[in-house]
Protein backbone atom coordinates (compact mmCIF):
# COMPACT_ATOMS: atom_id res chain seq x y z
CA MET A 1 0.00 0.00 0.00
CA THR A 2 1.47 3.37 -1.04
CA GLN A 3 1.94 6.35 1.23
CA VAL A 4 -0.84 8.13 -0.65
CA THR A 5 -3.26 5.27 -0.02
CA ASN A 6 -2.32 5.19 3.66
CA LEU A 7 -2.95 8.91 3.91
CA ILE A 8 -6.48 8.96 2.50
CA ILE A 9 -7.84 5.51 3.16
CA GLU A 10 -10.73 6.77 5.34
CA ASN A 11 -14.10 7.82 4.00
CA PRO A 12 -15.32 11.30 5.07
CA PHE A 13 -18.90 9.98 5.29
CA HIS A 14 -18.21 6.80 7.25
CA ASN A 15 -19.83 8.17 10.45
CA PHE A 16 -23.51 8.24 9.51
CA THR A 17 -24.74 7.51 13.06
CA ALA A 18 -24.16 10.16 15.73
CA ARG A 19 -22.82 9.18 19.15
CA ALA A 20 -23.06 11.16 22.36
CA ASP A 21 -19.43 10.41 23.31
CA VAL A 22 -17.92 11.42 19.94
CA PRO A 23 -18.19 15.13 19.04
CA GLU A 24 -19.62 15.83 15.60
CA ILE A 25 -17.17 17.30 13.06
CA PHE A 26 -19.83 19.51 11.55
CA ASN A 27 -23.30 20.45 12.71
CA LEU A 28 -25.63 21.58 9.94
CA LEU A 29 -27.67 24.41 11.42
CA ARG A 30 -30.15 25.27 8.65
CA PRO A 31 -32.53 22.26 8.92
CA ASN A 32 -32.40 22.56 12.73
CA LYS A 33 -32.81 26.33 12.96
CA ASP A 34 -36.49 26.28 14.00
CA ALA A 35 -35.78 23.55 16.56
CA ILE A 36 -32.93 25.57 18.08
CA ASN A 37 -35.18 28.63 18.23
CA ARG A 38 -37.75 26.60 20.20
CA ILE A 39 -35.11 25.41 22.67
CA SER A 40 -33.76 28.95 23.03
CA HIS A 41 -37.26 30.32 23.68
CA ALA A 42 -37.91 27.71 26.38
CA LEU A 43 -34.52 28.45 27.90
CA GLU A 44 -35.21 32.17 27.96
CA THR A 45 -38.46 31.54 29.85
CA VAL A 46 -36.62 29.44 32.43
CA ARG A 47 -33.73 31.90 32.68
CA LYS A 48 -35.99 34.87 33.42
CA GLN A 49 -37.91 32.93 36.06
CA LYS A 50 -35.32 30.73 37.72
CA ARG A 51 -37.91 28.64 39.55
CA GLU A 52 -39.39 27.51 36.24
CA SER A 53 -38.77 24.31 34.29
CA MET A 54 -40.03 23.17 30.89
CA ILE A 55 -40.41 19.82 29.11
CA VAL A 56 -39.89 19.96 25.35
CA PRO A 57 -40.19 16.78 23.21
CA VAL A 58 -37.93 16.42 20.15
CA ILE A 59 -39.41 13.85 17.80
CA ALA A 60 -38.37 12.50 14.40
CA GLU A 61 -38.20 9.35 12.32
CA ALA A 62 -35.18 7.06 12.63
CA GLY A 63 -32.12 8.59 10.98
CA TYR A 64 -33.32 12.19 11.21
CA GLY A 65 -30.59 13.18 13.64
CA LYS A 66 -32.02 13.17 17.16
CA THR A 67 -28.65 12.38 18.75
CA HIS A 68 -26.95 14.70 16.25
CA PHE A 69 -29.32 17.43 17.44
CA TYR A 70 -27.76 17.12 20.91
CA TRP A 71 -24.45 18.30 19.39
CA VAL A 72 -26.24 21.11 17.56
CA VAL A 73 -27.75 22.26 20.88
CA ARG A 74 -24.35 22.12 22.58
CA GLU A 75 -22.78 24.18 19.82
CA GLN A 76 -25.54 26.75 19.34
CA VAL A 77 -26.95 27.26 22.85
CA THR A 78 -24.23 28.91 24.89
CA ASN A 79 -26.26 30.35 27.79
CA ALA A 80 -26.96 26.95 29.36
CA TYR A 81 -25.20 23.79 30.48
CA VAL A 82 -26.15 20.83 28.28
CA VAL A 83 -26.22 17.36 29.83
CA TYR A 84 -26.70 14.25 27.70
CA VAL A 85 -28.87 11.69 29.49
CA PRO A 86 -29.19 8.26 27.87
CA VAL A 87 -32.60 6.91 28.78
CA PRO A 88 -32.40 5.11 32.17
CA THR A 89 -32.36 1.32 31.96
CA ASN A 90 -33.80 0.96 35.47
CA PRO A 91 -37.13 2.75 36.07
CA ASN A 92 -36.47 2.59 39.83
CA ARG A 93 -33.32 4.71 39.54
CA ILE A 94 -34.36 7.74 37.52
CA TYR A 95 -33.07 10.54 39.76
CA SER A 96 -29.73 8.94 40.58
CA HIS A 97 -29.26 8.44 36.83
CA PHE A 98 -29.95 12.14 36.12
CA TYR A 99 -27.72 13.16 39.03
CA PHE A 100 -24.71 11.09 37.98
CA GLU A 101 -24.99 12.13 34.32
CA THR A 102 -24.97 15.74 35.52
CA VAL A 103 -21.91 15.20 37.70
CA LYS A 104 -20.19 13.26 34.91
CA ALA A 105 -20.77 16.16 32.51
CA GLY A 106 -19.69 18.88 34.95
CA GLY A 107 -16.98 16.97 36.79
CA SER A 108 -15.37 18.08 40.03
CA ALA A 109 -15.43 21.68 38.73
CA LEU A 110 -19.25 21.64 38.95
CA LEU A 111 -19.20 20.30 42.51
CA GLU A 112 -16.59 22.88 43.55
CA TYR A 113 -18.64 25.67 41.98
CA VAL A 114 -21.78 24.65 43.88
CA ALA A 115 -19.84 24.28 47.13
CA ASP A 116 -18.28 27.77 46.73
CA PHE A 117 -21.69 29.27 45.98
CA LEU A 118 -23.34 27.69 49.05
CA VAL A 119 -20.52 28.55 51.46
CA GLN A 120 -20.39 32.15 50.27
CA LYS A 121 -24.18 32.58 50.41
CA TYR A 122 -25.03 30.80 53.66
CA LYS A 123 -21.72 30.80 55.58
CA LYS A 124 -22.97 27.93 57.80
CA VAL A 125 -24.98 24.75 57.18
CA GLU A 126 -27.65 25.86 59.65
CA ASN A 127 -28.36 29.00 57.64
CA ALA A 128 -29.39 26.89 54.63
CA ALA A 129 -31.78 24.65 56.61
CA PHE A 130 -34.90 26.63 55.75
CA GLU A 131 -34.29 26.71 51.98
CA PHE A 132 -33.11 23.08 51.77
CA PRO A 133 -35.19 21.11 54.29
CA GLY A 134 -35.07 17.37 54.93
CA LEU A 135 -32.54 15.51 52.79
CA GLY A 136 -31.48 18.81 51.32
CA ASN A 137 -29.69 19.46 54.61
CA VAL A 138 -27.70 16.24 54.16
CA VAL A 139 -26.60 17.40 50.71
CA ILE A 140 -25.68 20.86 52.02
CA GLU A 141 -23.51 19.25 54.71
CA GLY A 142 -21.75 17.32 51.96
CA PHE A 143 -21.02 20.50 49.97
CA PHE A 144 -19.69 22.29 53.06
CA ALA A 145 -17.51 19.25 53.77
CA LEU A 146 -16.16 19.56 50.22
CA LYS A 147 -14.61 22.91 51.26
CA ASP A 148 -13.14 21.48 54.49
CA PRO A 149 -9.54 20.27 53.87
CA LYS A 150 -10.01 17.47 56.41
CA GLN A 151 -13.16 16.10 54.76
CA SER A 152 -12.86 17.18 51.11
CA LYS A 153 -11.54 13.86 49.71
CA LEU A 154 -14.22 11.89 51.54
CA ALA A 155 -16.94 14.30 50.41
CA LEU A 156 -15.78 14.08 46.78
CA LYS A 157 -16.06 10.28 46.94
CA TRP A 158 -19.54 10.62 48.35
CA PHE A 159 -20.70 13.01 45.62
CA THR A 160 -19.19 11.09 42.72
CA GLY A 161 -19.91 7.55 43.88
CA PHE A 162 -16.29 6.55 43.12
CA ASP A 163 -14.42 4.16 45.44
CA ILE A 164 -17.38 3.63 47.74
CA ASP A 165 -16.13 2.01 50.94
CA GLU A 166 -17.09 1.71 54.62
CA GLU A 167 -15.56 5.09 55.39
CA THR A 168 -17.67 6.75 52.70
CA LYS A 169 -20.84 4.98 53.76
CA SER A 170 -20.37 6.17 57.32
CA PHE A 171 -20.33 9.77 56.08
CA HIS A 172 -24.08 9.68 55.36
CA ARG A 173 -26.55 7.56 53.42
CA THR A 174 -25.08 7.49 49.90
CA ILE A 175 -26.41 9.17 46.78
CA MET A 176 -25.59 6.08 44.74
CA ASP A 177 -28.02 3.95 46.73
CA ASP A 178 -30.73 6.49 47.53
CA GLU A 179 -33.12 7.91 44.92
CA GLU A 180 -34.57 10.60 47.19
CA LEU A 181 -31.10 11.75 48.23
CA ALA A 182 -30.05 11.90 44.57
CA PHE A 183 -33.12 14.01 43.81
CA ALA A 184 -32.32 16.34 46.70
CA ALA A 185 -28.73 16.71 45.42
CA LEU A 186 -30.00 17.43 41.91
CA LYS A 187 -32.30 20.18 43.22
CA VAL A 188 -29.45 21.80 45.18
CA ILE A 189 -27.24 21.84 42.07
CA LEU A 190 -30.01 23.29 39.90
CA LYS A 191 -30.62 26.10 42.41
CA SER A 192 -26.93 26.93 42.73
CA VAL A 193 -25.57 27.00 39.16
CA ASP A 194 -25.24 30.31 37.31
CA LYS A 195 -26.99 29.09 34.12
CA PRO A 196 -29.97 26.79 33.47
CA LEU A 197 -29.38 23.15 32.54
CA ILE A 198 -30.66 21.43 29.42
CA PHE A 199 -31.19 17.71 30.07
CA PHE A 200 -31.16 15.98 26.68
CA VAL A 201 -32.85 12.61 27.27
CA ASP A 202 -32.14 10.46 24.21
CA GLU A 203 -34.12 7.48 22.89
CA LEU A 204 -37.05 7.97 25.26
CA GLU A 205 -38.80 5.04 23.57
CA SER A 206 -36.11 2.54 24.64
CA LEU A 207 -37.66 1.90 28.03
CA PHE A 208 -41.04 1.32 26.39
CA ILE A 209 -39.54 -1.14 23.91
CA SER A 210 -37.34 -3.06 26.36
CA LEU A 211 -39.41 -3.12 29.56
CA GLY A 212 -42.92 -2.22 28.46
CA PRO A 213 -45.55 0.47 29.14
CA GLU A 214 -45.31 0.35 32.95
CA ALA A 215 -41.61 1.18 32.97
CA GLU A 216 -42.17 4.06 30.54
CA LEU A 217 -45.03 5.36 32.70
CA GLN A 218 -42.76 5.24 35.76
CA LEU A 219 -40.22 7.38 33.90
CA LEU A 220 -42.89 9.89 32.89
CA GLU A 221 -44.16 10.20 36.47
CA SER A 222 -40.60 10.81 37.70
CA ILE A 223 -40.22 13.50 35.06
CA LYS A 224 -43.46 15.10 36.27
CA LYS A 225 -42.06 15.21 39.81
CA MET A 226 -38.89 16.84 38.53
CA HIS A 227 -40.98 19.45 36.75
CA ASN A 228 -43.08 20.11 39.88
CA GLU A 229 -40.35 20.19 42.52
CA ALA A 230 -37.09 21.14 40.78
CA SER A 231 -36.32 24.25 38.76
CA ASN A 232 -33.92 26.02 36.41
CA PHE A 233 -33.87 23.41 33.61
CA VAL A 234 -35.26 22.49 30.21
CA LEU A 235 -35.91 18.80 29.68
CA CYS A 236 -35.61 17.70 26.03
CA LEU A 237 -37.19 14.31 25.38
CA ALA A 238 -35.86 12.85 22.11
CA CYS A 239 -38.18 10.15 20.82
CA LEU A 240 -39.06 8.23 17.67
CA ALA A 241 -42.06 9.84 15.98
CA THR A 242 -43.71 6.45 15.46
CA LEU A 243 -43.87 5.81 19.23
CA TRP A 244 -44.35 9.29 20.66
CA ASP A 245 -48.17 9.28 20.57
CA LYS A 246 -48.29 5.82 22.19
CA ILE A 247 -45.99 6.97 24.99
CA LEU A 248 -47.94 10.20 25.48
CA ASP A 249 -51.22 8.24 25.66
CA LEU A 250 -49.79 6.22 28.57
CA SER A 251 -49.27 9.28 30.71
CA SER A 252 -51.79 10.97 32.91
CA THR A 253 -53.50 14.22 32.03
CA ALA A 254 -51.30 15.89 34.64
CA VAL A 255 -48.14 14.74 32.80
CA GLN A 256 -49.50 15.71 29.39
CA SER A 257 -50.40 19.21 30.60
CA ARG A 258 -46.77 19.83 31.54
CA ILE A 259 -45.33 18.84 28.15
CA GLU A 260 -44.82 21.50 25.47
CA PRO A 261 -45.87 20.87 21.83
CA PRO A 262 -43.18 18.68 20.20
CA ILE A 263 -40.33 19.91 18.05
CA LEU A 264 -40.27 18.08 14.70
CA LEU A 265 -36.81 17.61 13.18
CA LYS A 266 -36.78 18.30 9.45
CA ARG A 267 -35.53 16.37 6.44
CA PHE A 268 -32.45 17.38 4.46
CA THR A 269 -33.07 19.45 1.35
CA LYS A 270 -30.74 19.18 -1.66
CA ASN A 271 -29.04 22.35 -0.45
CA ASP A 272 -28.52 20.79 2.99
CA ILE A 273 -26.86 17.75 1.41
CA GLN A 274 -24.70 20.06 -0.72
CA ASP A 275 -23.59 22.08 2.33
CA TYR A 276 -22.95 18.91 4.31
CA CYS A 277 -20.72 17.57 1.52
CA VAL A 278 -18.74 20.81 1.25
CA HIS A 279 -17.92 20.86 4.95
CA MET A 280 -17.26 17.14 5.37
CA LEU A 281 -14.94 17.03 2.34
CA LYS A 282 -12.66 19.89 3.44
CA ASP A 283 -10.33 17.64 5.44
CA PHE A 284 -10.51 15.02 2.70
CA HIS A 285 -9.24 17.58 0.18
CA GLN A 286 -6.42 18.60 2.49
CA LYS A 287 -5.26 14.99 2.65
CA PHE A 288 -5.02 15.06 -1.15
CA ASP A 289 -3.27 18.44 -0.78
CA LEU A 290 -5.80 20.08 -3.07
CA SER A 291 -6.66 23.76 -3.32
CA LEU A 292 -10.14 23.76 -4.86
CA SER A 293 -12.43 26.46 -6.17
CA GLU A 294 -16.03 26.79 -4.96
CA GLU A 295 -17.13 25.09 -8.17
CA ASN A 296 -15.19 21.95 -7.23
CA SER A 297 -15.90 22.10 -3.48
CA THR A 298 -17.68 18.70 -3.42
CA TRP A 299 -15.03 16.76 -5.40
CA PRO A 300 -14.99 13.79 -6.01
CA LEU A 301 -18.78 14.07 -5.79
CA GLY A 302 -20.69 15.87 -8.49
CA LYS A 303 -24.10 17.51 -8.74
CA SER A 304 -25.65 14.24 -9.94
CA ASP A 305 -24.33 12.41 -6.86
CA ILE A 306 -25.98 14.91 -4.54
CA GLU A 307 -29.26 14.65 -6.48
CA SER A 308 -29.05 10.86 -6.28
CA ALA A 309 -28.42 10.98 -2.53
CA TYR A 310 -31.52 13.13 -2.11
CA ALA A 311 -33.67 10.91 -4.35
CA TYR A 312 -32.49 7.74 -2.59
CA SER A 313 -32.93 9.08 0.95
CA HIS A 314 -36.04 11.24 0.48
CA GLY A 315 -34.22 13.72 2.71
CA ASN A 316 -33.50 11.27 5.56
CA PRO A 317 -30.07 12.51 6.75
CA ARG A 318 -28.68 9.12 7.78
CA GLU A 319 -29.70 7.45 4.50
CA ALA A 320 -28.31 10.37 2.48
CA ILE A 321 -24.94 10.11 4.25
CA LYS A 322 -24.88 6.33 3.71
CA TRP A 323 -25.44 6.90 -0.01
CA LEU A 324 -22.65 9.48 -0.15
CA ALA A 325 -20.31 7.10 1.68
CA GLY A 326 -20.93 4.38 -0.93
CA VAL A 327 -20.45 6.68 -3.92
CA THR A 328 -17.25 8.15 -2.43
CA GLU A 329 -15.86 4.68 -1.82
CA GLU A 330 -16.46 3.74 -5.47
CA LYS A 331 -14.77 6.89 -6.74
CA LYS A 332 -11.78 6.60 -4.42
CA ALA A 333 -10.39 3.40 -5.96
CA PRO A 334 -9.41 4.75 -9.42
CA ILE A 335 -8.18 8.02 -7.88
CA LEU A 336 -5.90 6.17 -5.47
CA LYS A 337 -4.62 4.01 -8.32
CA GLU A 338 -3.74 7.08 -10.41
CA LEU A 339 -2.13 8.81 -7.46
CA GLY A 340 -0.07 5.73 -6.67
CA LYS A 341 1.32 5.69 -10.23
CA ASN A 342 1.93 9.43 -10.10
CA GLN A 343 3.77 9.20 -6.80
CA LYS A 344 5.98 6.40 -8.09
CA PHE A 345 6.82 8.42 -11.22
CA LEU A 346 7.62 11.55 -9.22
CA SER A 347 9.71 9.62 -6.70
CA ASN A 348 11.79 7.96 -9.44
CA HIS A 349 12.14 11.19 -11.39
CA GLY A 350 13.15 13.09 -8.26
CA LYS A 351 15.83 10.52 -7.44
CA LYS A 352 17.25 10.77 -10.97
CA ILE A 353 17.41 14.55 -10.77
CA LYS A 354 19.03 14.53 -7.35
CA SER A 355 21.51 11.92 -8.51
CA ALA A 356 22.33 13.91 -11.68
CA LEU A 357 22.74 17.13 -9.73
CA GLY A 358 24.89 15.46 -7.11
CA LYS A 359 25.80 17.49 -4.06
CA PRO A 360 28.29 20.19 -5.04
CA LYS A 361 30.13 21.74 -2.15
CA GLY A 362 27.99 24.32 -0.38
CA VAL A 363 24.74 23.20 -2.06
CA THR A 364 21.78 21.56 -0.24
CA ILE A 365 19.08 19.72 -2.17
CA GLY A 366 15.66 19.08 -0.59
CA VAL A 367 12.59 17.41 -2.12
CA LEU A 368 9.12 18.81 -1.41
CA GLN A 369 5.73 17.62 -2.60
CA ARG A 370 2.61 19.73 -2.99
CA ASN A 371 -0.68 18.95 -4.68
CA ASN A 372 0.78 15.67 -5.96
CA GLY A 373 3.54 17.39 -7.93
CA LEU A 374 7.22 17.58 -6.99
CA GLN A 375 9.37 20.54 -5.96
CA ILE A 376 13.14 20.20 -5.61
CA SER A 377 14.75 23.06 -3.76
CA VAL A 378 18.45 23.74 -4.48
CA SER A 379 19.93 26.09 -1.91
CA GLU A 380 23.31 27.81 -1.91
CA LYS A 381 24.72 30.44 0.39
CA ASP A 382 23.24 33.38 -1.50
CA ASN A 383 20.83 31.78 -3.98
CA ARG A 384 17.80 29.46 -3.93
CA TYR A 385 16.53 27.65 -7.02
CA LEU A 386 13.25 25.74 -7.31
CA ILE A 387 12.83 22.87 -9.77
CA ILE A 388 9.17 22.00 -10.40
CA ILE A 389 7.72 18.77 -11.79
CA PRO A 390 3.90 18.98 -12.32
CA PRO A 391 1.62 15.96 -11.76
CA GLN A 392 1.96 13.21 -14.38
CA ILE A 393 0.31 9.92 -15.47
CA ASP A 394 -3.01 11.32 -16.71
CA LEU A 395 -4.26 12.59 -13.37
CA GLU A 396 -7.62 14.31 -13.31
CA PRO A 397 -7.32 17.96 -14.44
CA ILE A 398 -8.39 18.99 -10.95
CA PHE A 399 -4.99 17.88 -9.61
CA GLU A 400 -3.07 19.82 -12.26
CA ASN A 401 -5.13 22.98 -11.72
CA SER A 402 -4.77 22.70 -7.97
CA PHE A 403 -1.01 22.17 -8.33
CA ILE A 404 -0.62 25.37 -10.34
CA GLU A 405 -2.80 27.44 -7.99
CA GLY A 406 -1.06 26.06 -4.92
CA LEU A 407 2.35 26.72 -6.46
CA LYS A 408 1.45 30.31 -7.25
CA GLU A 409 0.52 30.74 -3.62
CA ASP A 410 3.83 29.23 -2.49
CA LEU A 411 5.89 31.37 -4.87
CA ALA A 412 4.17 34.52 -3.65
CA LYS A 413 5.48 33.78 -0.15
CA GLU A 414 9.01 32.65 -1.09
CA ASN A 415 11.87 34.50 -2.75
CA TYR A 416 13.62 32.20 -5.23
CA SER A 417 16.52 33.34 -7.40
CA GLU A 418 15.34 31.10 -10.23
CA VAL A 419 12.32 28.90 -10.91
CA ILE A 420 12.77 25.99 -13.32
CA LEU A 421 9.98 23.83 -14.74
CA LEU A 422 10.55 20.26 -15.86
CA GLY A 423 7.47 19.89 -18.06
CA GLU A 424 6.05 20.46 -21.52
CA GLU A 425 4.93 24.06 -20.99
CA THR A 426 5.35 27.07 -18.75
CA PRO A 427 1.87 27.27 -17.17
CA PHE A 428 2.47 30.39 -15.04
CA LYS A 429 4.73 33.37 -14.45
CA LYS A 430 6.58 34.52 -11.36
CA ASN A 431 6.41 38.27 -10.87
CA GLU A 432 5.64 38.63 -14.59
CA MET A 433 8.90 36.80 -15.39
CA GLU A 434 8.80 33.62 -17.48
CA VAL A 435 9.79 30.44 -15.68
CA THR A 436 12.68 28.55 -17.31
CA SER A 437 11.25 25.37 -18.86
CA PHE A 438 12.63 21.97 -19.96
CA SER A 439 10.82 18.96 -21.34
CA LYS A 440 9.88 16.43 -18.64
CA ASP A 441 12.53 13.93 -19.81
CA ASP A 442 15.38 16.41 -20.34
CA ILE A 443 17.15 15.75 -17.06
CA LYS A 444 20.57 16.27 -18.69
CA GLY A 445 19.63 19.73 -19.97
CA LEU A 446 18.18 20.58 -16.55
CA THR A 447 21.29 19.53 -14.62
CA GLU A 448 23.59 21.39 -17.02
CA TYR A 449 21.49 24.52 -16.58
CA VAL A 450 21.55 24.23 -12.76
CA GLU A 451 25.31 23.75 -12.83
CA LYS A 452 25.66 26.81 -15.04
CA ILE A 453 23.61 29.14 -12.85
CA SER A 454 25.25 27.72 -9.71
CA LYS A 455 28.72 28.64 -11.02
CA ASN A 456 27.55 32.08 -11.99
């Protein structure tokens, strides 16, 4: 396998399923703009009235980007903390699940922030007793302990659930084992942070599918309690459109009255697919070392490929990306084959030139490659010469054009005493001065010329 093949073996469209633990390279805003506006509006309502909370469903068909939308929210909504919450697998441990996902997202920095806030505001645990009654007092004691050098390590274990041992258990009943305590801790955090939280609950339907209607109903009732008793958050419920109505029908009228009208994620348009291709292919082009015009910004894909992706997918983002991945894979093979031949030719030609030039005293010869052509730099004490070999072996014109444009850019930055082209033509000028040209096989003439100008 050639170096070129090693360099560009990956497919820019190979990730067609979003994951919560892998940041998205590019988040397409346009099809999600209305959805983001809805989230922002809900957030503004909560922010102005800190004791408020809102439940906003996000529904779509499979492949429409519900998990991807989480990354869009994280990128676009900056006046809130966004916490990804995979749907709980145990309906009896809803609040501890929300609590630990919050702590996982915020880390020790979140716990330290809350502890600083509480200590500064209340000074003593007793002063917070009225605002945080019952188990809230236990949580407050834990946060104050977090600021006590003698108890801080033990308190951090207690809050995070890491390394639970007898010492930790003797500190107080543990959050890991106690749903009500976890809920109390969650409420304290929500009241103390400087910005609202967005809980993004993904795949809401999973509990319904795996454990049945009763488990899903238990989750919905827990969410209702959160809405009634906690504050300063927006709860996004991402769910398959085909199951949303069934899940909603399970819930009581009280639950339904607390849920906002759903956000519907939209399909890709042709323009969305075009924009997605442009952004996803940027790194791909860099690996080919290509400088492309806007007209060629989706290379190796063409207009017909984008239209085919739209027709095949009917605007379903995941299916469109799958289609693009397949087409790109087909087009890569002949390109890699051509580039492999080109690289071999350039490598052999470069060795011949370096061998013919030798290494005269005081002269350094270095080989550079750009845009799949070859540049040999000959440097002396006072002079620098550049020998250029354009791409060969019937490469697509896009490589030749990119080579010339990239070279012009390089030459504008560098100051060479002489520029020499080993090719059939002189395709450009340097500062309005013709570049010295030799035929691609005239290595003897080239070396004699370099020797001549070196002596002069």
